[in-house]
């Protein structure tokens, strides 16, 4: 369900996220920035497997699971924003480098195999 709002200048603002999705993205961003969560949002993220509790020395904290990271990326993409942990950028870069290396190895194997025929 998309929401539309008329702005003062007469243009129409279309919201890409539902109210529920907006609340979930806000809660996920709170986890990313290690802020406190409303109890309802905390329950939603835990029940749906987006977040897990970490036992920190000062108390309990939360971190996003892989499913939570996927949900963060999905919802932020729908909003047209890009929110990434630095660790995600390193992972994406490393994955691309690995794929490129695998491609090169596969090409070399084909060339070597063809020369043997």
Protein backbone atom coordinates (compact mmCIF):
# COMPACT_ATOMS: atom_id res chain seq x y z
CA UNK A 1 0.00 0.00 0.00
CA UNK A 2 1.46 3.33 -1.02
CA UNK A 3 0.60 6.58 0.66
CA UNK A 4 0.35 9.91 -1.13
CA UNK A 5 0.53 13.37 0.41
CA UNK A 6 -0.06 16.69 -1.32
CA UNK A 7 2.68 19.20 -0.55
CA UNK A 8 2.30 22.97 -0.21
CA UNK A 9 3.62 23.55 -3.73
CA UNK A 10 0.93 21.24 -5.15
CA UNK A 11 3.27 18.34 -5.89
CA UNK A 12 2.50 14.84 -4.65
CA UNK A 13 4.80 13.01 -2.26
CA UNK A 14 4.52 9.25 -2.62
CA UNK A 15 5.70 7.11 0.25
CA UNK A 16 7.26 3.79 -0.73
CA UNK A 17 6.97 2.15 2.70
CA UNK A 18 3.89 1.25 4.67
CA UNK A 19 3.56 2.40 8.26
CA UNK A 20 4.68 -1.03 9.50
CA UNK A 21 7.72 -1.07 7.20
CA UNK A 22 8.66 2.46 8.28
CA UNK A 23 8.53 1.46 11.95
CA UNK A 24 10.60 -1.66 11.25
CA UNK A 25 13.25 0.32 9.33
CA UNK A 26 13.40 2.86 12.14
CA UNK A 27 13.92 0.06 14.68
CA UNK A 28 16.61 -1.55 12.52
CA UNK A 29 18.42 1.79 12.20
CA UNK A 30 18.24 2.11 16.00
CA UNK A 31 20.03 -1.23 16.29
CA UNK A 32 22.63 -0.10 13.74
CA UNK A 33 23.37 3.04 15.80
CA UNK A 34 23.13 1.17 19.14
CA UNK A 35 20.21 3.26 20.41
CA UNK A 36 17.44 2.09 22.73
CA UNK A 37 14.39 0.46 21.21
CA UNK A 38 10.73 0.65 22.17
CA UNK A 39 9.63 -2.70 23.60
CA UNK A 40 7.18 -3.31 20.76
CA UNK A 41 9.89 -2.76 18.10
CA UNK A 42 12.35 -4.95 20.01
CA UNK A 43 9.81 -7.77 20.12
CA UNK A 44 9.05 -7.45 16.38
CA UNK A 45 12.72 -7.66 15.41
CA UNK A 46 13.42 -10.61 17.71
CA UNK A 47 10.32 -12.62 16.75
CA UNK A 48 11.00 -12.19 13.03
CA UNK A 49 14.69 -13.12 13.43
CA UNK A 50 16.09 -9.73 12.38
CA UNK A 51 18.00 -9.13 15.61
CA UNK A 52 19.73 -11.10 18.34
CA UNK A 53 20.89 -10.22 21.82
CA UNK A 54 24.60 -9.92 22.52
CA UNK A 55 26.01 -10.22 26.00
CA UNK A 56 28.25 -7.19 26.38
CA UNK A 57 30.35 -6.35 29.44
CA UNK A 58 28.23 -3.28 30.29
CA UNK A 59 24.91 -4.99 29.70
CA UNK A 60 22.91 -6.50 26.91
CA UNK A 61 23.10 -5.12 23.41
CA UNK A 62 21.62 -6.09 20.10
CA UNK A 63 23.01 -6.86 16.68
CA UNK A 64 21.37 -7.55 13.35
CA UNK A 65 21.32 -11.08 12.03
CA UNK A 66 21.97 -11.85 8.36
CA UNK A 67 18.21 -11.79 7.87
CA UNK A 68 18.12 -8.38 9.59
CA UNK A 69 20.84 -7.03 7.29
CA UNK A 70 18.87 -8.25 4.28
CA UNK A 71 15.71 -6.57 5.60
CA UNK A 72 17.64 -3.32 6.24
CA UNK A 73 18.96 -3.35 2.70
CA UNK A 74 15.54 -4.19 1.22
CA UNK A 75 13.66 -1.47 3.10
CA UNK A 76 16.33 1.18 2.59
CA UNK A 77 16.41 0.39 -1.13
CA UNK A 78 12.64 0.88 -1.29
CA UNK A 79 13.17 4.30 0.34
CA UNK A 80 15.93 5.19 -2.08
CA UNK A 81 18.61 5.38 0.59
CA UNK A 82 21.76 3.39 1.17
CA UNK A 83 22.69 2.46 4.74
CA UNK A 84 25.71 0.20 5.04
CA UNK A 85 28.00 -0.91 7.83
CA UNK A 86 31.67 -0.54 6.94
CA UNK A 87 31.96 -4.30 7.43
CA UNK A 88 29.30 -4.83 4.74
CA UNK A 89 31.32 -2.77 2.25
CA UNK A 90 34.42 -4.89 2.92
CA UNK A 91 32.36 -8.08 2.53
CA UNK A 92 30.86 -6.93 -0.78
CA UNK A 93 34.29 -5.89 -2.09
CA UNK A 94 35.83 -9.20 -0.99
CA UNK A 95 32.99 -11.18 -2.61
CA UNK A 96 33.42 -9.33 -5.91
CA UNK A 97 37.19 -9.93 -5.84
CA UNK A 98 36.60 -13.64 -5.15
CA UNK A 99 34.11 -13.89 -8.03
CA UNK A 100 36.59 -12.20 -10.38
CA UNK A 101 39.37 -14.59 -9.31
CA UNK A 102 37.07 -17.58 -9.82
CA UNK A 103 36.16 -16.29 -13.29
CA UNK A 104 39.84 -15.95 -14.21
CA UNK A 105 40.59 -19.48 -12.97
CA UNK A 106 37.67 -20.91 -14.96
CA UNK A 107 38.85 -19.13 -18.12
CA UNK A 108 42.39 -20.45 -17.65
CA UNK A 109 41.08 -24.01 -17.21
CA UNK A 110 39.08 -23.78 -20.44
CA UNK A 111 42.09 -22.43 -22.37
CA UNK A 112 44.40 -25.13 -20.97
CA UNK A 113 41.81 -27.80 -21.69
CA UNK A 114 41.36 -26.56 -25.28
CA UNK A 115 45.10 -26.64 -25.98
CA UNK A 116 45.30 -30.28 -24.94
CA UNK A 117 42.82 -31.37 -27.64
